[in-house]
Amino acid sequence: MTPTTTGIAIAATLVLTWIAFGFGFFVLVALAMVVGALIGRIIEGKLDPTSILDALRGKRSSS
């Protein structure tokens, strides 16, 4: 899948969730997608979880 196709699928999922269940479930699904993406990046080795935690704690910048 191309990034464009992936973006369309994500947007369609979020819009249909909002229409069918309301804003609260829309936010819940969006957060679940973000968490899933982060877990996927960690498993692939493209994201270091310790650097995220350090940035959130203010120990160093995220850039």
C-alpha atoms as a PDB file:
ATOM      1  CA  MET A   1       0.000   0.000   0.000  1.00  0.00           C
ATOM      2  CA  THR A   2       1.214   3.462  -0.815  1.00  0.00           C
ATOM      3  CA  PRO A   3       1.211   6.176   1.853  1.00  0.00           C
ATOM      4  CA  THR A   4      -1.691   7.849   0.035  1.00  0.00           C
ATOM      5  CA  THR A   5      -3.789   4.693   0.143  1.00  0.00           C
ATOM      6  CA  THR A   6      -2.947   4.164   3.795  1.00  0.00           C
ATOM      7  CA  GLY A   7      -3.939   7.753   4.612  1.00  0.00           C
ATOM      8  CA  ILE A   8      -7.240   7.367   2.815  1.00  0.00           C
ATOM      9  CA  ALA A   9      -8.006   4.145   4.693  1.00  0.00           C
ATOM     10  CA  ILE A  10      -7.195   5.743   8.045  1.00  0.00           C
ATOM     11  CA  ALA A  11      -9.280   8.834   7.277  1.00  0.00           C
ATOM     12  CA  ALA A  12     -12.221   6.709   6.112  1.00  0.00           C
ATOM     13  CA  THR A  13     -12.072   4.623   9.271  1.00  0.00           C
ATOM     14  CA  LEU A  14     -12.035   7.708  11.484  1.00  0.00           C
ATOM     15  CA  VAL A  15     -14.844   9.456   9.612  1.00  0.00           C
ATOM     16  CA  LEU A  16     -17.080   6.384   9.660  1.00  0.00           C
ATOM     17  CA  THR A  17     -16.396   5.940  13.373  1.00  0.00           C
ATOM     18  CA  TRP A  18     -17.351   9.567  14.022  1.00  0.00           C
ATOM     19  CA  ILE A  19     -20.550   9.284  11.979  1.00  0.00           C
ATOM     20  CA  ALA A  20     -21.636   5.956  13.462  1.00  0.00           C
ATOM     21  CA  PHE A  21     -20.636   6.355  17.106  1.00  0.00           C
ATOM     22  CA  GLY A  22     -19.872  10.025  17.811  1.00  0.00           C
ATOM     23  CA  PHE A  23     -16.878  12.102  18.748  1.00  0.00           C
ATOM     24  CA  GLY A  24     -15.922  10.134  21.876  1.00  0.00           C
ATOM     25  CA  PHE A  25     -15.424   6.900  19.993  1.00  0.00           C
ATOM     26  CA  PHE A  26     -13.648   8.810  17.220  1.00  0.00           C
ATOM     27  CA  VAL A  27     -11.047   9.991  19.733  1.00  0.00           C
ATOM     28  CA  LEU A  28     -10.758   6.491  21.205  1.00  0.00           C
ATOM     29  CA  VAL A  29     -10.162   4.914  17.779  1.00  0.00           C
ATOM     30  CA  ALA A  30      -7.655   7.634  16.843  1.00  0.00           C
ATOM     31  CA  LEU A  31      -5.697   7.023  20.057  1.00  0.00           C
ATOM     32  CA  ALA A  32      -5.756   3.271  19.431  1.00  0.00           C
ATOM     33  CA  MET A  33      -4.361   3.883  15.936  1.00  0.00           C
ATOM     34  CA  VAL A  34      -1.547   6.032  17.327  1.00  0.00           C
ATOM     35  CA  VAL A  35      -0.663   3.434  19.961  1.00  0.00           C
ATOM     36  CA  GLY A  36      -0.728   0.683  17.337  1.00  0.00           C
ATOM     37  CA  ALA A  37       1.532   2.690  15.039  1.00  0.00           C
ATOM     38  CA  LEU A  38       4.006   3.349  17.863  1.00  0.00           C
ATOM     39  CA  ILE A  39       4.090  -0.329  18.829  1.00  0.00           C
ATOM     40  CA  GLY A  40       4.616  -1.290  15.197  1.00  0.00           C
ATOM     41  CA  ARG A  41       7.529   1.144  14.843  1.00  0.00           C
ATOM     42  CA  ILE A  42       9.114  -0.185  18.055  1.00  0.00           C
ATOM     43  CA  ILE A  43       8.788  -3.801  16.870  1.00  0.00           C
ATOM     44  CA  GLU A  44      10.300  -2.889  13.479  1.00  0.00           C
ATOM     45  CA  GLY A  45      13.218  -1.260  15.264  1.00  0.00           C
ATOM     46  CA  LYS A  46      12.564   2.168  13.760  1.00  0.00           C
ATOM     47  CA  LEU A  47      11.729   3.793  17.095  1.00  0.00           C
ATOM     48  CA  ASP A  48      13.616   3.664  20.379  1.00  0.00           C
ATOM     49  CA  PRO A  49      11.169   3.694  23.322  1.00  0.00           C
ATOM     50  CA  THR A  50      13.802   4.946  25.771  1.00  0.00           C
ATOM     51  CA  SER A  51      14.334   8.109  23.716  1.00  0.00           C
ATOM     52  CA  ILE A  52      10.585   8.813  23.800  1.00  0.00           C
ATOM     53  CA  LEU A  53      10.455   8.349  27.561  1.00  0.00           C
ATOM     54  CA  ASP A  54      13.508  10.549  28.057  1.00  0.00           C
ATOM     55  CA  ALA A  55      11.985  13.299  25.906  1.00  0.00           C
ATOM     56  CA  LEU A  56       8.713  13.113  27.855  1.00  0.00           C
ATOM     57  CA  ARG A  57      10.612  13.347  31.131  1.00  0.00           C
ATOM     58  CA  GLY A  58      12.565  16.367  29.859  1.00  0.00           C
ATOM     59  CA  LYS A  59      15.941  14.660  30.080  1.00  0.00           C
ATOM     60  CA  ARG A  60      16.818  15.502  26.479  1.00  0.00           C
ATOM     61  CA  SER A  61      15.182  16.882  23.383  1.00  0.00           C
ATOM     62  CA  SER A  62      13.308  14.675  20.929  1.00  0.00           C
ATOM     63  CA  SER A  63      15.244  16.057  17.949  1.00  0.00           C
END
